[in-house]
Amino acid sequence: MKTINVREAVGSVLCHDITRIVPGDSKGPVFRKGHVVRQEDIPVLLDVGKEHLYVFEPQPGLVHENEAAARIAAVAAGRNIAAGEPREGRIDFSAACAGLLRVDVPMLTRLNSLGEITLASLHTLQRVDKGRAVAGTRVVPLLIDEEKLQAVEALLTRPIIEVLPLRKLQVGIVTTGSEVFYGRIQDAFGPVLRKKFAELGSTVLGQTLTSDEVAMTATAIRDFIAQGADMVVVTGGMSVDPDDRTPAAIRAAGARIISYGAPVYPGAMFLLAYMDGPQGQAPVLGLPGCVMYHKASIFDLLVPRLLAGLTVTAEDVVALGHGGFCAACPQCRYPICPFGK
């Protein structure tokens, strides 16, 4: 640390906050510790009575926190991530588009284990809106050793945080249940699903009502795939009741069952399958009744992943158990934060 004339301070790094007092109005820092003095700052410093400053002396091999944050951001931020300007040594990341946030959590842990390097993010695999802040990074010391940053750049051979845009799919809805098929009760699933898919940017290709007969439901699923549906959702008939035959119908349609049952409440009776279609592997979902009346359910945890182009596995479904319990908040924050994540 050394004392320097303020007129010669351009490019120097402040060792302390510079306070400005406006009588009867405000008192606060006009420049923070670590600020790099610019030419336009000189008149301001003189106006607050600063003729001399305490500044850090340049030292070979040390990097200022602002530059360090910029270098970390350059290797950590991936697709559709916008990095802001350094602010008190920190750079925040925001979503450049709406979509699904994906974070390489193991690599993030390795990065934060290097010491004196920090990067924090939102939970991975959640929907984010365009412009939402999703992460931030900074180093702990004001000046950090160049070798630390080189270690970061060697570690991150690919970005660790990105936003995946949601694809606009054509979705077929098959609503099962003899009570709906024969008109005893009115279907309530269709309007809910049309609204949900519209909010996600996808279009409902059509809706077919079927009885509890396995063959009828299986045919309806195959018909939607033949029409070019990218996804088929089958509603109702997912419980262990002897009249609920949806899992059998999905299997009879030729779909490959990935998971039947999920550690998610609401949504435990969820089924995930895939079947061959004109556009490739098409997801076929068996949706339990909770999707119809719960504001947030397993639908809102898994469907965005499928729309983002991710292949969901049985292991992915099992992993939903951590965070898969809806606490029924008095004021649900869906769709921003399903299940309080």
Protein backbone atom coordinates (compact mmCIF):
# COMPACT_ATOMS: atom_id res chain seq x y z
CA MET A 1 0.00 0.00 0.00
CA LYS A 2 1.24 3.50 -0.78
CA THR A 3 0.04 7.11 -0.79
CA ILE A 4 -0.41 8.77 -4.15
CA ASN A 5 -1.53 12.19 -5.39
CA VAL A 6 -5.10 11.91 -6.65
CA ARG A 7 -4.13 13.54 -9.97
CA GLU A 8 -1.71 10.68 -10.59
CA ALA A 9 -4.06 7.90 -9.50
CA VAL A 10 -5.57 6.80 -12.82
CA GLY A 11 -5.27 3.02 -13.05
CA SER A 12 -4.62 2.61 -9.32
CA VAL A 13 -6.65 0.33 -7.05
CA LEU A 14 -8.25 1.93 -3.96
CA CYS A 15 -7.39 0.43 -0.57
CA HIS A 16 -10.45 1.89 1.17
CA ASP A 17 -13.94 3.23 0.58
CA ILE A 18 -14.28 6.90 -0.38
CA THR A 19 -17.25 8.51 1.37
CA ARG A 20 -19.33 11.42 0.11
CA ILE A 21 -21.55 13.39 2.50
CA VAL A 22 -24.38 15.56 1.25
CA PRO A 23 -25.57 17.57 4.31
CA GLY A 24 -29.18 16.87 5.13
CA ASP A 25 -29.42 14.36 2.29
CA SER A 26 -27.11 11.36 2.32
CA LYS A 27 -23.87 9.78 3.38
CA GLY A 28 -22.31 6.82 1.64
CA PRO A 29 -19.47 5.46 -0.45
CA VAL A 30 -18.92 7.15 -3.78
CA PHE A 31 -16.17 4.63 -4.58
CA ARG A 32 -15.64 1.24 -2.97
CA LYS A 33 -12.46 -0.46 -1.90
CA GLY A 34 -10.98 -2.17 -4.92
CA HIS A 35 -12.25 0.42 -7.41
CA VAL A 36 -9.85 1.11 -10.28
CA VAL A 37 -9.52 4.88 -10.60
CA ARG A 38 -10.50 6.31 -14.00
CA GLN A 39 -9.77 9.74 -15.47
CA GLU A 40 -13.38 10.83 -14.99
CA ASP A 41 -13.15 9.93 -11.28
CA ILE A 42 -10.52 12.59 -10.54
CA PRO A 43 -12.94 15.60 -10.35
CA VAL A 44 -15.29 13.58 -8.12
CA LEU A 45 -12.46 12.66 -5.75
CA LEU A 46 -11.36 16.27 -5.57
CA ASP A 47 -14.95 17.37 -4.89
CA VAL A 48 -15.10 15.11 -1.82
CA GLY A 49 -11.83 16.56 -0.54
CA LYS A 50 -9.39 13.85 -1.58
CA GLU A 51 -5.96 15.18 -2.58
CA HIS A 52 -4.22 11.90 -1.81
CA LEU A 53 -5.27 8.26 -1.84
CA TYR A 54 -4.13 4.99 -0.36
CA VAL A 55 -3.71 2.59 -3.27
CA PHE A 56 -2.33 -0.89 -3.83
CA GLU A 57 1.05 -1.03 -5.44
CA PRO A 58 1.08 -3.16 -8.61
CA GLN A 59 2.56 -6.57 -7.96
CA PRO A 60 3.56 -9.01 -10.69
CA GLY A 61 1.45 -12.16 -10.72
CA LEU A 62 -1.58 -10.62 -8.99
CA VAL A 63 -4.91 -9.93 -10.72
CA HIS A 64 -7.55 -7.41 -9.61
CA GLU A 65 -10.91 -8.85 -8.51
CA ASN A 66 -12.82 -7.28 -11.42
CA GLU A 67 -10.55 -8.78 -14.04
CA ALA A 68 -10.56 -12.08 -12.17
CA ALA A 69 -14.36 -12.24 -12.18
CA ALA A 70 -14.40 -11.48 -15.90
CA ARG A 71 -11.98 -14.31 -16.62
CA ILE A 72 -14.04 -16.78 -14.59
CA ALA A 73 -17.22 -15.65 -16.36
CA ALA A 74 -15.57 -16.12 -19.74
CA VAL A 75 -15.04 -19.85 -19.14
CA ALA A 76 -18.04 -20.63 -16.88
CA ALA A 77 -20.90 -19.00 -18.81
CA GLY A 78 -22.37 -21.07 -21.62
CA ARG A 79 -25.24 -20.85 -24.05
CA ASN A 80 -27.86 -18.16 -23.47
CA ILE A 81 -26.07 -16.74 -20.41
CA ALA A 82 -25.43 -12.99 -20.31
CA ALA A 83 -22.62 -11.79 -18.03
CA GLY A 84 -22.97 -8.31 -16.54
CA GLU A 85 -20.32 -5.74 -15.71
CA PRO A 86 -18.20 -6.15 -12.56
CA ARG A 87 -19.76 -4.54 -9.50
CA GLU A 88 -17.63 -4.48 -6.38
CA GLY A 89 -15.68 -7.42 -7.72
CA ARG A 90 -18.71 -9.53 -8.66
CA ILE A 91 -20.21 -10.39 -12.03
CA ASP A 92 -23.78 -11.66 -12.19
CA PHE A 93 -25.13 -13.97 -14.90
CA SER A 94 -28.66 -13.66 -16.28
CA ALA A 95 -30.75 -15.74 -18.67
CA ALA A 96 -30.55 -14.38 -22.21
CA CYS A 97 -33.75 -16.26 -23.09
CA ALA A 98 -36.54 -18.11 -21.34
CA GLY A 99 -35.85 -21.80 -20.88
CA LEU A 100 -34.42 -24.46 -18.61
CA LEU A 101 -31.39 -23.60 -16.49
CA ARG A 102 -28.77 -26.35 -16.51
CA VAL A 103 -25.79 -26.31 -14.14
CA ASP A 104 -22.97 -28.85 -14.10
CA VAL A 105 -23.19 -29.32 -10.33
CA PRO A 106 -20.15 -31.64 -9.88
CA MET A 107 -17.97 -29.22 -11.87
CA LEU A 108 -19.36 -26.28 -9.91
CA THR A 109 -18.33 -28.04 -6.70
CA ARG A 110 -14.82 -28.63 -8.05
CA LEU A 111 -14.55 -24.97 -9.03
CA ASN A 112 -15.57 -23.77 -5.58
CA SER A 113 -13.10 -26.22 -4.02
CA LEU A 114 -10.11 -24.45 -5.60
CA GLY A 115 -10.07 -21.86 -2.82
CA GLU A 116 -10.53 -18.08 -3.11
CA ILE A 117 -12.83 -18.69 -6.11
CA THR A 118 -16.62 -18.53 -5.70
CA LEU A 119 -19.50 -19.13 -8.09
CA ALA A 120 -23.09 -19.49 -6.87
CA SER A 121 -26.13 -20.43 -8.97
CA LEU A 122 -29.82 -21.22 -8.73
CA HIS A 123 -30.82 -24.88 -8.54
CA THR A 124 -30.23 -26.71 -11.79
CA LEU A 125 -33.01 -27.90 -14.13
CA GLN A 126 -35.57 -25.25 -13.31
CA ARG A 127 -37.46 -22.92 -15.62
CA VAL A 128 -36.23 -19.35 -15.81
CA ASP A 129 -37.57 -16.29 -17.56
CA LYS A 130 -35.50 -14.10 -19.84
CA GLY A 131 -33.48 -11.61 -17.81
CA ARG A 132 -33.65 -13.52 -14.55
CA ALA A 133 -30.44 -13.52 -12.50
CA VAL A 134 -29.24 -17.13 -12.35
CA ALA A 135 -25.69 -17.01 -10.95
CA GLY A 136 -22.80 -14.82 -9.85
CA THR A 137 -19.06 -15.11 -9.45
CA ARG A 138 -16.26 -13.32 -7.63
CA VAL A 139 -12.94 -14.02 -5.98
CA VAL A 140 -12.41 -13.62 -2.23
CA PRO A 141 -9.28 -11.39 -2.11
CA LEU A 142 -9.06 -8.00 -3.75
CA LEU A 143 -6.00 -9.21 -5.67
CA ILE A 144 -5.70 -12.89 -6.52
CA ASP A 145 -2.74 -14.94 -7.66
CA GLU A 146 -2.60 -15.43 -11.42
CA GLU A 147 -2.00 -19.15 -10.85
CA LYS A 148 -5.45 -19.49 -9.25
CA LEU A 149 -7.11 -18.15 -12.38
CA GLN A 150 -5.01 -20.38 -14.57
CA ALA A 151 -6.26 -23.32 -12.49
CA VAL A 152 -9.86 -22.23 -13.17
CA GLU A 153 -9.22 -21.93 -16.90
CA ALA A 154 -7.57 -25.35 -16.97
CA LEU A 155 -10.45 -26.94 -15.04
CA LEU A 156 -13.32 -25.49 -17.06
CA THR A 157 -12.73 -26.95 -20.49
CA ARG A 158 -16.43 -26.34 -21.18
CA PRO A 159 -19.02 -23.97 -19.66
CA ILE A 160 -20.81 -25.11 -16.53
CA ILE A 161 -23.99 -23.02 -16.68
CA GLU A 162 -26.39 -22.55 -19.58
CA VAL A 163 -30.03 -21.99 -20.46
CA LEU A 164 -31.70 -24.45 -22.82
CA PRO A 165 -34.59 -22.93 -24.84
CA LEU A 166 -37.83 -24.88 -24.72
CA ARG A 167 -38.80 -26.47 -28.03
CA LYS A 168 -42.25 -25.78 -29.46
CA LEU A 169 -43.77 -29.25 -29.74
CA GLN A 170 -47.02 -30.67 -31.11
CA VAL A 171 -48.76 -32.53 -28.29
CA GLY A 172 -51.55 -35.09 -28.46
CA ILE A 173 -53.89 -35.54 -25.47
CA VAL A 174 -55.64 -38.85 -24.82
CA THR A 175 -58.19 -38.57 -22.01
CA THR A 176 -59.25 -41.94 -20.61
CA GLY A 177 -62.22 -42.88 -18.49
CA SER A 178 -65.60 -44.33 -19.38
CA GLU A 179 -67.32 -41.66 -17.27
CA VAL A 180 -65.94 -38.95 -19.58
CA PHE A 181 -66.18 -40.99 -22.80
CA TYR A 182 -69.90 -41.69 -22.28
CA GLY A 183 -70.62 -38.12 -21.19
CA ARG A 184 -71.48 -38.83 -17.56
CA ILE A 185 -69.08 -36.10 -16.45
CA GLN A 186 -67.38 -33.29 -18.32
CA ASP A 187 -63.67 -33.51 -19.08
CA ALA A 188 -61.60 -31.14 -16.91
CA PHE A 189 -58.15 -32.32 -17.95
CA GLY A 190 -58.13 -30.85 -21.47
CA PRO A 191 -58.46 -27.14 -20.56
CA VAL A 192 -55.77 -27.44 -17.87
CA LEU A 193 -53.29 -29.12 -20.21
CA ARG A 194 -53.98 -26.73 -23.08
CA LYS A 195 -53.19 -23.82 -20.79
CA LYS A 196 -50.05 -25.45 -19.37
CA PHE A 197 -48.64 -26.32 -22.80
CA ALA A 198 -49.49 -22.87 -24.16
CA GLU A 199 -47.52 -21.29 -21.30
CA LEU A 200 -44.59 -23.51 -22.27
CA GLY A 201 -44.82 -22.48 -25.93
CA SER A 202 -46.15 -25.78 -27.29
CA THR A 203 -49.36 -26.53 -29.16
CA VAL A 204 -52.01 -29.16 -28.53
CA LEU A 205 -52.52 -31.10 -31.76
CA GLY A 206 -55.83 -32.49 -30.56
CA GLN A 207 -57.60 -34.38 -27.79
CA THR A 208 -59.17 -37.85 -28.03
CA LEU A 209 -61.55 -39.28 -25.43
CA THR A 210 -61.39 -43.03 -24.81
CA SER A 211 -63.10 -45.49 -22.52
CA ASP A 212 -61.18 -47.67 -20.11
CA GLU A 213 -60.63 -50.24 -22.86
CA VAL A 214 -56.90 -50.85 -23.40
CA ALA A 215 -57.20 -51.31 -27.17
CA MET A 216 -59.08 -48.04 -27.67
CA THR A 217 -56.55 -46.01 -25.70
CA ALA A 218 -53.59 -47.71 -27.37
CA THR A 219 -55.04 -46.92 -30.80
CA ALA A 220 -55.54 -43.26 -29.86
CA ILE A 221 -51.89 -43.00 -28.79
CA ARG A 222 -50.67 -44.58 -32.03
CA ASP A 223 -52.93 -42.31 -34.08
CA PHE A 224 -51.38 -39.17 -32.57
CA ILE A 225 -47.86 -40.48 -33.21
CA ALA A 226 -48.83 -41.22 -36.83
CA GLN A 227 -50.16 -37.63 -37.16
CA GLY A 228 -46.73 -36.32 -36.18
CA ALA A 229 -47.21 -35.60 -32.48
CA ASP A 230 -43.88 -34.93 -30.75
CA MET A 231 -45.36 -35.96 -27.40
CA VAL A 232 -48.49 -37.73 -26.22
CA VAL A 233 -49.96 -37.28 -22.75
CA VAL A 234 -52.49 -39.75 -21.44
CA THR A 235 -54.65 -38.50 -18.61
CA GLY A 236 -56.36 -40.47 -15.90
CA GLY A 237 -56.44 -44.18 -15.17
CA MET A 238 -53.07 -44.18 -13.41
CA SER A 239 -54.02 -45.59 -10.00
CA VAL A 240 -54.14 -49.22 -8.84
CA ASP A 241 -57.91 -49.34 -9.27
CA PRO A 242 -58.87 -52.37 -11.45
CA ASP A 243 -60.65 -50.04 -13.91
CA ASP A 244 -57.54 -47.87 -14.38
CA ARG A 245 -55.81 -49.37 -17.41
CA THR A 246 -53.66 -46.51 -18.75
CA PRO A 247 -50.24 -48.12 -18.07
CA ALA A 248 -51.36 -51.24 -19.91
CA ALA A 249 -52.64 -49.16 -22.82
CA ILE A 250 -49.38 -47.22 -23.14
CA ARG A 251 -47.47 -50.50 -23.20
CA ALA A 252 -49.90 -51.96 -25.76
CA ALA A 253 -49.36 -48.92 -28.00
CA GLY A 254 -45.74 -50.03 -28.38
CA ALA A 255 -44.14 -47.58 -25.97
CA ARG A 256 -41.12 -48.51 -23.87
CA ILE A 257 -41.84 -47.86 -20.18
CA ILE A 258 -39.02 -45.96 -18.46
CA SER A 259 -40.62 -45.38 -15.08
CA TYR A 260 -43.99 -46.00 -13.48
CA GLY A 261 -44.20 -44.23 -10.15
CA ALA A 262 -42.19 -41.24 -9.02
CA PRO A 263 -41.00 -39.93 -5.62
CA VAL A 264 -42.92 -36.69 -6.14
CA TYR A 265 -45.94 -35.42 -4.21
CA PRO A 266 -48.20 -34.54 -5.94
CA GLY A 267 -47.50 -36.87 -8.85
CA ALA A 268 -46.49 -40.26 -7.45
CA MET A 269 -48.54 -42.22 -10.03
CA PHE A 270 -46.69 -40.67 -12.99
CA LEU A 271 -45.55 -42.80 -15.93
CA LEU A 272 -42.81 -42.00 -18.44
CA ALA A 273 -42.36 -43.92 -21.69
CA TYR A 274 -40.91 -43.41 -25.16
CA MET A 275 -42.03 -44.73 -28.52
CA ASP A 276 -40.81 -44.44 -32.09
CA GLY A 277 -42.38 -41.70 -34.16
CA PRO A 278 -41.81 -39.92 -37.47
CA GLN A 279 -39.61 -37.35 -35.70
CA GLY A 280 -37.71 -39.91 -33.61
CA GLN A 281 -38.31 -40.95 -30.01
CA ALA A 282 -41.53 -39.34 -28.73
CA PRO A 283 -42.26 -39.16 -24.98
CA VAL A 284 -45.53 -40.70 -23.85
CA LEU A 285 -46.62 -39.57 -20.39
CA GLY A 286 -49.20 -41.06 -18.09
CA LEU A 287 -50.48 -38.16 -15.99
CA PRO A 288 -52.20 -38.77 -12.64
CA GLY A 289 -55.28 -36.80 -11.63
CA CYS A 290 -53.31 -34.39 -9.43
CA VAL A 291 -52.06 -32.57 -12.54
CA MET A 292 -55.65 -31.47 -13.14
CA TYR A 293 -56.16 -29.64 -9.85
CA HIS A 294 -52.73 -28.96 -8.28
CA LYS A 295 -51.12 -25.70 -9.33
CA ALA A 296 -47.68 -27.36 -9.40
CA SER A 297 -47.02 -31.08 -9.73
CA ILE A 298 -44.64 -33.55 -11.36
CA PHE A 299 -45.79 -32.15 -14.73
CA ASP A 300 -44.05 -28.86 -13.94
CA LEU A 301 -40.85 -30.60 -12.85
CA LEU A 302 -40.43 -33.00 -15.77
CA VAL A 303 -42.18 -31.65 -18.86
CA PRO A 304 -39.84 -28.61 -19.20
CA ARG A 305 -36.89 -31.02 -19.29
CA LEU A 306 -38.47 -32.89 -22.18
CA LEU A 307 -39.26 -29.66 -24.00
CA ALA A 308 -35.63 -28.61 -23.56
CA GLY A 309 -34.60 -31.72 -25.49
CA LEU A 310 -33.26 -33.70 -22.53
CA THR A 311 -33.72 -37.47 -22.46
CA VAL A 312 -35.17 -38.24 -19.04
CA THR A 313 -34.06 -41.58 -17.58
CA ALA A 314 -35.33 -43.74 -14.76
CA GLU A 315 -32.43 -42.45 -12.66
CA ASP A 316 -33.55 -38.86 -13.33
CA VAL A 317 -37.03 -39.68 -12.06
CA VAL A 318 -35.66 -41.34 -8.94
CA ALA A 319 -33.50 -38.28 -8.25
CA LEU A 320 -36.61 -36.11 -8.04
CA GLY A 321 -37.17 -37.45 -4.55
CA HIS A 322 -34.81 -34.78 -3.20
CA GLY A 323 -36.99 -31.69 -3.62
CA GLY A 324 -40.03 -33.62 -4.83
CA PHE A 325 -42.26 -32.78 -1.86
CA CYS A 326 -44.68 -29.89 -2.29
CA ALA A 327 -45.03 -28.02 1.01
CA ALA A 328 -48.32 -26.44 -0.12
CA CYS A 329 -47.10 -22.89 0.53
CA PRO A 330 -49.89 -20.44 1.49
CA GLN A 331 -49.05 -18.45 -1.63
CA CYS A 332 -47.74 -20.81 -4.30
CA ARG A 333 -44.90 -19.30 -6.34
CA TYR A 334 -45.54 -21.50 -9.36
CA PRO A 335 -44.36 -21.40 -12.12
CA ILE A 336 -41.25 -19.53 -11.01
CA CYS A 337 -40.33 -21.93 -8.24
CA PRO A 338 -42.11 -25.32 -8.24
CA PHE A 339 -41.92 -27.08 -4.89
CA GLY A 340 -40.02 -24.22 -3.27
CA LYS A 341 -36.78 -24.83 -5.18
